Amino acid sequence: MVKEIEKYFNRVTEIYGQSKHHDTLPYLSIEDSPYDDSDNPDLIVESRTDLNEVIVYHKNIKSVEELIRTLVHEYQHYLQSPSWMTRYYNMGYGYNDHPYEIAAYIEENNWKKVYGSIK
């Protein structure tokens, strides 16, 4: 599974390119899970924009589609302005109506662009 995650992550970086908000590509960390199986089995990935890091919890991934959608989503956050991410929250937006979250969810629909370019 680790090789597959790296393969799709590398393809996402090739397709979307480097962020103008960071000097380097995000660091990919592949881990088991931050929780035991009963706490949050749905957590697949998280993005730590303050550290320019994407953490993938490989034991929680249920399908290749889910993996790619999630990588595309989190990569959108890497491409977005960290200061505006915070600014939108400070303006009163929540997770469900945050403009950056909405944009990242919309971009997930292009997951086949990543999948189809690797087969």
N, C-alpha and C. Protein backbone atom coordinates (compact mmCIF):
# COMPACT_ATOMS: atom_id res chain seq x y z
N MET A 1 0.83 -1.20 0.00
CA MET A 1 0.00 0.00 0.00
C MET A 1 0.87 1.26 0.00
N VAL A 2 2.02 1.23 0.67
CA VAL A 2 2.88 2.41 0.77
C VAL A 2 3.34 2.84 -0.62
N LYS A 3 3.76 1.90 -1.44
CA LYS A 3 4.21 2.23 -2.80
C LYS A 3 3.09 2.85 -3.60
N GLU A 4 1.87 2.34 -3.44
CA GLU A 4 0.71 2.87 -4.15
C GLU A 4 0.42 4.31 -3.72
N ILE A 5 0.49 4.58 -2.42
CA ILE A 5 0.26 5.93 -1.92
C ILE A 5 1.30 6.88 -2.51
N GLU A 6 2.55 6.48 -2.47
CA GLU A 6 3.62 7.32 -3.01
C GLU A 6 3.42 7.57 -4.51
N LYS A 7 3.03 6.54 -5.23
CA LYS A 7 2.82 6.66 -6.68
C LYS A 7 1.73 7.68 -6.98
N TYR A 8 0.60 7.59 -6.30
CA TYR A 8 -0.50 8.52 -6.55
C TYR A 8 -0.16 9.93 -6.05
N PHE A 9 0.51 10.02 -4.92
CA PHE A 9 0.91 11.34 -4.42
C PHE A 9 1.85 12.02 -5.40
N ASN A 10 2.82 11.28 -5.92
CA ASN A 10 3.74 11.85 -6.91
C ASN A 10 3.01 12.31 -8.15
N ARG A 11 2.01 11.57 -8.57
CA ARG A 11 1.25 11.97 -9.76
C ARG A 11 0.43 13.24 -9.47
N VAL A 12 -0.14 13.33 -8.28
CA VAL A 12 -0.88 14.54 -7.89
C VAL A 12 0.05 15.75 -7.95
N THR A 13 1.27 15.60 -7.44
CA THR A 13 2.21 16.73 -7.46
C THR A 13 2.59 17.11 -8.88
N GLU A 14 2.71 16.12 -9.77
CA GLU A 14 3.03 16.41 -11.17
C GLU A 14 1.89 17.16 -11.85
N ILE A 15 0.67 16.75 -11.58
CA ILE A 15 -0.50 17.36 -12.23
C ILE A 15 -0.75 18.77 -11.71
N TYR A 16 -0.68 18.97 -10.40
CA TYR A 16 -1.06 20.26 -9.82
C TYR A 16 0.11 21.22 -9.60
N GLY A 17 1.33 20.73 -9.59
CA GLY A 17 2.49 21.61 -9.48
C GLY A 17 2.75 22.12 -8.08
N GLN A 18 3.69 23.03 -7.99
CA GLN A 18 4.11 23.58 -6.71
C GLN A 18 3.30 24.82 -6.35
N SER A 19 3.04 24.96 -5.07
CA SER A 19 2.30 26.10 -4.55
C SER A 19 3.16 27.36 -4.58
N LYS A 20 2.54 28.48 -4.84
CA LYS A 20 3.24 29.75 -4.77
C LYS A 20 3.37 30.22 -3.32
N HIS A 21 2.74 29.47 -2.40
CA HIS A 21 2.75 29.85 -0.99
C HIS A 21 3.80 29.09 -0.18
N HIS A 22 4.49 28.13 -0.82
CA HIS A 22 5.50 27.32 -0.13
C HIS A 22 6.73 27.20 -1.01
N ASP A 23 7.87 27.05 -0.39
CA ASP A 23 9.13 26.93 -1.12
C ASP A 23 9.40 25.51 -1.63
N THR A 24 8.72 24.53 -1.04
CA THR A 24 8.93 23.14 -1.42
C THR A 24 7.59 22.42 -1.57
N LEU A 25 7.64 21.24 -2.16
CA LEU A 25 6.45 20.39 -2.20
C LEU A 25 6.16 19.92 -0.78
N PRO A 26 4.92 19.54 -0.50
CA PRO A 26 4.61 19.07 0.85
C PRO A 26 5.32 17.75 1.15
N TYR A 27 5.65 17.57 2.39
CA TYR A 27 6.25 16.34 2.86
C TYR A 27 5.15 15.30 3.03
N LEU A 28 5.35 14.11 2.51
CA LEU A 28 4.38 13.02 2.64
C LEU A 28 4.81 12.10 3.76
N SER A 29 3.94 11.91 4.73
CA SER A 29 4.18 11.00 5.84
C SER A 29 3.12 9.92 5.80
N ILE A 30 3.52 8.66 5.83
CA ILE A 30 2.58 7.54 5.80
C ILE A 30 2.67 6.84 7.14
N GLU A 31 1.53 6.81 7.84
CA GLU A 31 1.49 6.26 9.19
C GLU A 31 0.36 5.26 9.33
N ASP A 32 0.39 4.50 10.43
CA ASP A 32 -0.68 3.53 10.68
C ASP A 32 -1.98 4.26 10.96
N SER A 33 -2.12 4.83 12.14
CA SER A 33 -3.31 5.58 12.51
C SER A 33 -3.04 6.28 13.83
N PRO A 34 -3.60 7.49 14.00
CA PRO A 34 -3.41 8.17 15.29
C PRO A 34 -4.38 7.65 16.35
N TYR A 35 -5.29 6.79 15.96
CA TYR A 35 -6.33 6.29 16.86
C TYR A 35 -6.31 4.78 16.87
N ASP A 36 -6.88 4.21 17.93
CA ASP A 36 -7.12 2.78 17.84
C ASP A 36 -8.35 2.60 16.96
N ASP A 37 -8.66 1.40 16.58
CA ASP A 37 -9.72 1.15 15.60
C ASP A 37 -11.09 1.68 16.01
N SER A 38 -11.34 1.86 17.29
CA SER A 38 -12.67 2.29 17.72
C SER A 38 -12.84 3.81 17.74
N ASP A 39 -11.75 4.57 17.75
CA ASP A 39 -11.86 6.03 17.90
C ASP A 39 -12.35 6.74 16.65
N ASN A 40 -11.65 6.58 15.54
CA ASN A 40 -12.01 7.29 14.31
C ASN A 40 -11.50 6.51 13.11
N PRO A 41 -12.15 5.40 12.77
CA PRO A 41 -11.65 4.57 11.68
C PRO A 41 -11.78 5.24 10.31
N ASP A 42 -12.47 6.38 10.22
CA ASP A 42 -12.65 7.04 8.94
C ASP A 42 -11.55 8.05 8.62
N LEU A 43 -10.68 8.36 9.58
CA LEU A 43 -9.62 9.32 9.31
C LEU A 43 -8.60 8.70 8.37
N ILE A 44 -8.45 9.29 7.20
CA ILE A 44 -7.56 8.77 6.17
C ILE A 44 -6.31 9.61 6.04
N VAL A 45 -6.50 10.90 6.08
CA VAL A 45 -5.38 11.81 5.83
C VAL A 45 -5.64 13.12 6.54
N GLU A 46 -4.58 13.78 6.87
CA GLU A 46 -4.73 15.15 7.38
C GLU A 46 -3.59 15.98 6.82
N SER A 47 -3.87 17.23 6.72
CA SER A 47 -2.89 18.16 6.17
C SER A 47 -2.48 19.11 7.28
N ARG A 48 -1.19 19.27 7.45
CA ARG A 48 -0.69 20.22 8.43
C ARG A 48 0.00 21.32 7.65
N THR A 49 -0.78 22.35 7.30
CA THR A 49 -0.25 23.41 6.46
C THR A 49 0.87 24.19 7.15
N ASP A 50 0.82 24.23 8.49
CA ASP A 50 1.88 24.94 9.20
C ASP A 50 3.24 24.25 9.04
N LEU A 51 3.21 22.94 8.80
CA LEU A 51 4.44 22.18 8.61
C LEU A 51 4.63 21.74 7.17
N ASN A 52 3.71 22.13 6.28
CA ASN A 52 3.77 21.73 4.88
C ASN A 52 3.84 20.22 4.76
N GLU A 53 2.90 19.54 5.40
CA GLU A 53 2.92 18.09 5.51
C GLU A 53 1.54 17.50 5.22
N VAL A 54 1.54 16.37 4.53
CA VAL A 54 0.33 15.59 4.32
C VAL A 54 0.58 14.23 4.97
N ILE A 55 -0.27 13.87 5.93
CA ILE A 55 -0.13 12.60 6.65
C ILE A 55 -1.23 11.66 6.18
N VAL A 56 -0.85 10.50 5.65
CA VAL A 56 -1.80 9.50 5.18
C VAL A 56 -1.80 8.33 6.18
N TYR A 57 -2.99 7.99 6.67
CA TYR A 57 -3.15 6.85 7.58
C TYR A 57 -3.58 5.64 6.75
N HIS A 58 -2.60 4.88 6.30
CA HIS A 58 -2.84 3.85 5.29
C HIS A 58 -3.77 2.73 5.74
N LYS A 59 -3.85 2.44 7.01
CA LYS A 59 -4.72 1.35 7.47
C LYS A 59 -6.20 1.70 7.35
N ASN A 60 -6.51 2.98 7.19
CA ASN A 60 -7.91 3.41 7.13
C ASN A 60 -8.42 3.60 5.71
N ILE A 61 -7.58 3.38 4.72
CA ILE A 61 -7.98 3.59 3.33
C ILE A 61 -8.76 2.38 2.84
N LYS A 62 -9.94 2.65 2.28
CA LYS A 62 -10.83 1.56 1.85
C LYS A 62 -10.76 1.29 0.36
N SER A 63 -10.28 2.25 -0.44
CA SER A 63 -10.23 2.05 -1.89
C SER A 63 -9.23 3.01 -2.52
N VAL A 64 -8.83 2.71 -3.74
CA VAL A 64 -7.93 3.59 -4.48
C VAL A 64 -8.63 4.92 -4.76
N GLU A 65 -9.91 4.88 -5.10
CA GLU A 65 -10.64 6.12 -5.35
C GLU A 65 -10.62 7.02 -4.12
N GLU A 66 -10.90 6.45 -2.96
CA GLU A 66 -10.90 7.22 -1.72
C GLU A 66 -9.53 7.83 -1.46
N LEU A 67 -8.48 7.06 -1.68
CA LEU A 67 -7.12 7.56 -1.51
C LEU A 67 -6.84 8.75 -2.43
N ILE A 68 -7.13 8.60 -3.71
CA ILE A 68 -6.82 9.66 -4.66
C ILE A 68 -7.66 10.90 -4.39
N ARG A 69 -8.95 10.72 -4.13
CA ARG A 69 -9.80 11.88 -3.82
C ARG A 69 -9.23 12.66 -2.63
N THR A 70 -8.80 11.93 -1.63
CA THR A 70 -8.29 12.56 -0.43
C THR A 70 -6.96 13.26 -0.70
N LEU A 71 -6.08 12.63 -1.46
CA LEU A 71 -4.81 13.27 -1.81
C LEU A 71 -5.05 14.55 -2.61
N VAL A 72 -5.97 14.48 -3.56
CA VAL A 72 -6.30 15.68 -4.37
C VAL A 72 -6.84 16.78 -3.45
N HIS A 73 -7.74 16.42 -2.55
CA HIS A 73 -8.34 17.39 -1.63
C HIS A 73 -7.25 18.07 -0.79
N GLU A 74 -6.41 17.27 -0.15
CA GLU A 74 -5.39 17.84 0.73
C GLU A 74 -4.35 18.63 -0.05
N TYR A 75 -4.07 18.20 -1.27
CA TYR A 75 -3.12 18.94 -2.08
C TYR A 75 -3.65 20.33 -2.44
N GLN A 76 -4.97 20.44 -2.56
CA GLN A 76 -5.56 21.76 -2.81
C GLN A 76 -5.26 22.70 -1.66
N HIS A 77 -5.28 22.17 -0.44
CA HIS A 77 -4.96 23.01 0.72
C HIS A 77 -3.50 23.46 0.67
N TYR A 78 -2.62 22.59 0.20
CA TYR A 78 -1.22 22.98 0.03
C TYR A 78 -1.11 24.13 -0.99
N LEU A 79 -1.92 24.10 -2.03
CA LEU A 79 -1.87 25.13 -3.06
C LEU A 79 -2.49 26.45 -2.60
N GLN A 80 -3.36 26.39 -1.62
CA GLN A 80 -4.08 27.57 -1.15
C GLN A 80 -3.23 28.38 -0.16
N SER A 81 -3.60 29.63 0.00
CA SER A 81 -2.88 30.53 0.91
C SER A 81 -3.17 30.17 2.37
N PRO A 82 -2.13 29.83 3.14
CA PRO A 82 -2.35 29.52 4.56
C PRO A 82 -2.95 30.71 5.33
N SER A 83 -2.54 31.92 4.99
CA SER A 83 -3.07 33.08 5.72
C SER A 83 -4.56 33.28 5.42
N TRP A 84 -4.96 33.02 4.18
CA TRP A 84 -6.38 33.13 3.85
C TRP A 84 -7.19 31.98 4.44
N MET A 85 -6.58 30.82 4.59
CA MET A 85 -7.27 29.70 5.26
C MET A 85 -7.69 30.16 6.65
N THR A 86 -6.76 30.74 7.38
CA THR A 86 -7.04 31.24 8.72
C THR A 86 -7.99 32.43 8.68
N ARG A 87 -7.77 33.32 7.76
CA ARG A 87 -8.60 34.52 7.65
C ARG A 87 -10.08 34.16 7.45
N TYR A 88 -10.34 33.18 6.57
CA TYR A 88 -11.73 32.77 6.36
C TYR A 88 -12.36 32.23 7.64
N TYR A 89 -11.61 31.43 8.40
CA TYR A 89 -12.15 30.95 9.67
C TYR A 89 -12.41 32.12 10.62
N ASN A 90 -11.50 33.08 10.64
CA ASN A 90 -11.68 34.25 11.50
C ASN A 90 -12.87 35.11 11.07
N MET A 91 -13.24 35.03 9.80
CA MET A 91 -14.39 35.78 9.29
C MET A 91 -15.71 35.09 9.65
N GLY A 92 -15.62 33.89 10.24
CA GLY A 92 -16.83 33.20 10.68
C GLY A 92 -17.21 31.97 9.87
N TYR A 93 -16.43 31.65 8.86
CA TYR A 93 -16.73 30.44 8.10
C TYR A 93 -16.39 29.21 8.94
N GLY A 94 -17.21 28.17 8.78
CA GLY A 94 -16.95 26.89 9.41
C GLY A 94 -16.43 25.92 8.38
N TYR A 95 -16.16 24.71 8.80
CA TYR A 95 -15.61 23.70 7.89
C TYR A 95 -16.50 23.50 6.66
N ASN A 96 -17.80 23.41 6.87
CA ASN A 96 -18.72 23.08 5.77
C ASN A 96 -18.96 24.21 4.78
N ASP A 97 -18.73 25.46 5.17
CA ASP A 97 -18.95 26.56 4.24
C ASP A 97 -17.68 27.36 3.94
N HIS A 98 -16.55 26.87 4.41
CA HIS A 98 -15.26 27.53 4.15
C HIS A 98 -14.96 27.46 2.65
N PRO A 99 -14.68 28.60 2.01
CA PRO A 99 -14.43 28.60 0.56
C PRO A 99 -13.32 27.65 0.12
N TYR A 100 -12.28 27.51 0.90
CA TYR A 100 -11.19 26.60 0.53
C TYR A 100 -11.61 25.14 0.64
N GLU A 101 -12.43 24.81 1.62
CA GLU A 101 -12.93 23.44 1.74
C GLU A 101 -13.85 23.11 0.57
N ILE A 102 -14.71 24.04 0.23
CA ILE A 102 -15.62 23.83 -0.90
C ILE A 102 -14.83 23.61 -2.18
N ALA A 103 -13.82 24.44 -2.41
CA ALA A 103 -12.99 24.29 -3.61
C ALA A 103 -12.26 22.95 -3.63
N ALA A 104 -11.77 22.51 -2.48
CA ALA A 104 -11.06 21.23 -2.41
C ALA A 104 -12.00 20.07 -2.67
N TYR A 105 -13.22 20.13 -2.13
CA TYR A 105 -14.21 19.07 -2.40
C TYR A 105 -14.59 19.02 -3.88
N ILE A 106 -14.73 20.16 -4.49
CA ILE A 106 -15.06 20.20 -5.92
C ILE A 106 -13.93 19.57 -6.74
N GLU A 107 -12.70 19.89 -6.39
CA GLU A 107 -11.55 19.36 -7.14
C GLU A 107 -11.42 17.85 -7.00
N GLU A 108 -11.90 17.29 -5.89
CA GLU A 108 -11.88 15.83 -5.72
C GLU A 108 -12.53 15.11 -6.90
N ASN A 109 -13.51 15.75 -7.52
CA ASN A 109 -14.21 15.12 -8.64
C ASN A 109 -13.30 14.85 -9.83
N ASN A 110 -12.12 15.42 -9.82
CA ASN A 110 -11.15 15.19 -10.90
C ASN A 110 -10.18 14.06 -10.56
N TRP A 111 -10.53 13.21 -9.63
CA TRP A 111 -9.66 12.12 -9.20
C TRP A 111 -9.28 11.19 -10.34
N LYS A 112 -10.16 11.03 -11.31
CA LYS A 112 -9.88 10.12 -12.43
C LYS A 112 -8.74 10.63 -13.30
N LYS A 113 -8.50 11.94 -13.27
CA LYS A 113 -7.38 12.51 -14.01
C LYS A 113 -6.06 11.93 -13.47
N VAL A 114 -6.01 11.73 -12.17
CA VAL A 114 -4.82 11.14 -11.52
C VAL A 114 -4.78 9.64 -11.78
N TYR A 115 -5.90 8.98 -11.55
CA TYR A 115 -5.98 7.53 -11.68
C TYR A 115 -5.71 7.09 -13.13
N GLY A 116 -6.36 7.75 -14.06
CA GLY A 116 -6.24 7.37 -15.47
C GLY A 116 -4.87 7.62 -16.05
N SER A 117 -4.12 8.52 -15.46
CA SER A 117 -2.79 8.84 -16.01
C SER A 117 -1.73 7.86 -15.52
N ILE A 118 -2.08 6.96 -14.61
CA ILE A 118 -1.10 6.02 -14.06
C ILE A 118 -1.28 4.61 -14.61
N LYS A 119 -2.49 4.22 -14.92
CA LYS A 119 -2.79 2.85 -15.34
C LYS A 119 -1.91 2.33 -16.39
